[in-house]
Amino acid sequence: MAGMPSKKPASCRRRDRLGKNVAAMRVGTGITQEQMAEKTGLSTRYWQSLEAGEYFPPLATLARIKGILECSWEDLFEGCG
């Protein structure tokens, strides 16, 4: 996937929290990582990395995730502050 760094970024508490929030909401809706990747137009590997807190997606991707999960911005970023 174009745009993915070739090296794993350093750990970040906010990315970790966002990934956990997204994973918990995805599981709560019964959507698999593969289905979520397909719905957002991301690769499954990128999706796994996002949930693992390795990457912070761009705003447009966050908006797609928010719409698919039918959650608020507050739900996405809970505990990220």
C-alpha atoms as a PDB file:
ATOM      1  CA  MET A   1       0.000   0.000   0.000  1.00  0.00           C
ATOM      2  CA  ALA A   2       1.382   3.342  -0.993  1.00  0.00           C
ATOM      3  CA  GLY A   3       1.983   5.726   1.849  1.00  0.00           C
ATOM      4  CA  MET A   4       2.727   3.073   4.466  1.00  0.00           C
ATOM      5  CA  PRO A   5       6.065   3.664   6.161  1.00  0.00           C
ATOM      6  CA  SER A   6       8.679   0.970   5.596  1.00  0.00           C
ATOM      7  CA  LYS A   7       9.694   1.100   9.255  1.00  0.00           C
ATOM      8  CA  LYS A   8       7.424   0.569  12.251  1.00  0.00           C
ATOM      9  CA  PRO A   9       6.937   3.893  14.085  1.00  0.00           C
ATOM     10  CA  ALA A  10       7.788   4.347  17.749  1.00  0.00           C
ATOM     11  CA  SER A  11       5.046   3.549  20.230  1.00  0.00           C
ATOM     12  CA  CYS A  12       2.523   6.288  20.966  1.00  0.00           C
ATOM     13  CA  ARG A  13      -0.041   6.188  23.771  1.00  0.00           C
ATOM     14  CA  ARG A  14      -2.650   8.066  21.719  1.00  0.00           C
ATOM     15  CA  ARG A  15      -2.329   5.762  18.706  1.00  0.00           C
ATOM     16  CA  ASP A  16      -2.525   2.748  21.016  1.00  0.00           C
ATOM     17  CA  ARG A  17      -5.705   4.078  22.643  1.00  0.00           C
ATOM     18  CA  LEU A  18      -7.331   4.934  19.311  1.00  0.00           C
ATOM     19  CA  GLY A  19      -6.531   1.452  18.005  1.00  0.00           C
ATOM     20  CA  LYS A  20      -8.059  -0.169  21.083  1.00  0.00           C
ATOM     21  CA  ASN A  21     -11.163   2.008  20.846  1.00  0.00           C
ATOM     22  CA  VAL A  22     -11.676   1.164  17.177  1.00  0.00           C
ATOM     23  CA  ALA A  23     -11.061  -2.554  17.770  1.00  0.00           C
ATOM     24  CA  ALA A  24     -13.527  -2.676  20.671  1.00  0.00           C
ATOM     25  CA  MET A  25     -16.241  -0.894  18.700  1.00  0.00           C
ATOM     26  CA  ARG A  26     -15.624  -3.081  15.639  1.00  0.00           C
ATOM     27  CA  VAL A  27     -15.910  -6.249  17.701  1.00  0.00           C
ATOM     28  CA  GLY A  28     -19.035  -4.856  19.380  1.00  0.00           C
ATOM     29  CA  THR A  29     -20.696  -4.484  15.988  1.00  0.00           C
ATOM     30  CA  GLY A  30     -19.720  -7.994  14.894  1.00  0.00           C
ATOM     31  CA  ILE A  31     -17.631  -6.781  11.945  1.00  0.00           C
ATOM     32  CA  THR A  32     -14.388  -8.645  11.189  1.00  0.00           C
ATOM     33  CA  GLN A  33     -11.107  -6.890  10.430  1.00  0.00           C
ATOM     34  CA  GLU A  34     -11.370  -8.138   6.855  1.00  0.00           C
ATOM     35  CA  GLN A  35     -14.873  -6.684   6.461  1.00  0.00           C
ATOM     36  CA  MET A  36     -13.771  -3.390   7.985  1.00  0.00           C
ATOM     37  CA  ALA A  37     -10.761  -3.223   5.660  1.00  0.00           C
ATOM     38  CA  GLU A  38     -13.042  -3.795   2.684  1.00  0.00           C
ATOM     39  CA  LYS A  39     -15.587  -1.191   3.828  1.00  0.00           C
ATOM     40  CA  THR A  40     -12.894   1.452   4.390  1.00  0.00           C
ATOM     41  CA  GLY A  41     -10.849   0.632   1.294  1.00  0.00           C
ATOM     42  CA  LEU A  42      -7.789  -0.257   3.372  1.00  0.00           C
ATOM     43  CA  SER A  43      -5.721  -3.423   3.258  1.00  0.00           C
ATOM     44  CA  THR A  44      -6.315  -5.972   5.986  1.00  0.00           C
ATOM     45  CA  ARG A  45      -2.681  -5.569   7.081  1.00  0.00           C
ATOM     46  CA  TYR A  46      -3.075  -1.797   7.432  1.00  0.00           C
ATOM     47  CA  TRP A  47      -6.283  -2.335   9.388  1.00  0.00           C
ATOM     48  CA  GLN A  48      -4.493  -4.746  11.748  1.00  0.00           C
ATOM     49  CA  SER A  49      -1.698  -2.204  12.192  1.00  0.00           C
ATOM     50  CA  LEU A  50      -4.200   0.583  12.893  1.00  0.00           C
ATOM     51  CA  GLU A  51      -5.858  -1.470  15.648  1.00  0.00           C
ATOM     52  CA  ALA A  52      -2.424  -2.344  17.037  1.00  0.00           C
ATOM     53  CA  GLY A  53      -1.678   1.373  17.398  1.00  0.00           C
ATOM     54  CA  GLU A  54       1.068   1.393  14.774  1.00  0.00           C
ATOM     55  CA  TYR A  55      -0.517   4.023  12.513  1.00  0.00           C
ATOM     56  CA  PHE A  56      -2.744   7.046  12.911  1.00  0.00           C
ATOM     57  CA  PRO A  57      -5.075   7.237   9.924  1.00  0.00           C
ATOM     58  CA  PRO A  58      -5.784  10.460   8.025  1.00  0.00           C
ATOM     59  CA  LEU A  59      -8.931  12.428   8.806  1.00  0.00           C
ATOM     60  CA  ALA A  60     -10.805  11.111   5.745  1.00  0.00           C
ATOM     61  CA  THR A  61     -10.189   7.532   6.896  1.00  0.00           C
ATOM     62  CA  LEU A  62     -11.240   8.380  10.454  1.00  0.00           C
ATOM     63  CA  ALA A  63     -14.468   9.840   9.068  1.00  0.00           C
ATOM     64  CA  ARG A  64     -15.154   6.608   7.123  1.00  0.00           C
ATOM     65  CA  ILE A  65     -14.454   4.532  10.236  1.00  0.00           C
ATOM     66  CA  LYS A  66     -16.760   6.747  12.309  1.00  0.00           C
ATOM     67  CA  GLY A  67     -19.550   6.352   9.746  1.00  0.00           C
ATOM     68  CA  ILE A  68     -19.216   2.573   9.478  1.00  0.00           C
ATOM     69  CA  LEU A  69     -19.101   2.092  13.251  1.00  0.00           C
ATOM     70  CA  GLU A  70     -21.860   4.682  13.732  1.00  0.00           C
ATOM     71  CA  CYS A  71     -20.025   6.220  16.669  1.00  0.00           C
ATOM     72  CA  SER A  72     -19.186   9.722  17.817  1.00  0.00           C
ATOM     73  CA  TRP A  73     -15.821  11.430  17.583  1.00  0.00           C
ATOM     74  CA  GLU A  74     -15.730  11.234  21.381  1.00  0.00           C
ATOM     75  CA  ASP A  75     -16.089   7.438  21.214  1.00  0.00           C
ATOM     76  CA  LEU A  76     -13.238   7.184  18.724  1.00  0.00           C
ATOM     77  CA  PHE A  77     -10.885   9.335  20.776  1.00  0.00           C
ATOM     78  CA  GLU A  78     -11.951   8.370  24.306  1.00  0.00           C
ATOM     79  CA  GLY A  79      -8.875   8.273  26.521  1.00  0.00           C
ATOM     80  CA  CYS A  80      -6.594   9.703  23.826  1.00  0.00           C
ATOM     81  CA  GLY A  81      -6.249  13.116  25.457  1.00  0.00           C
END
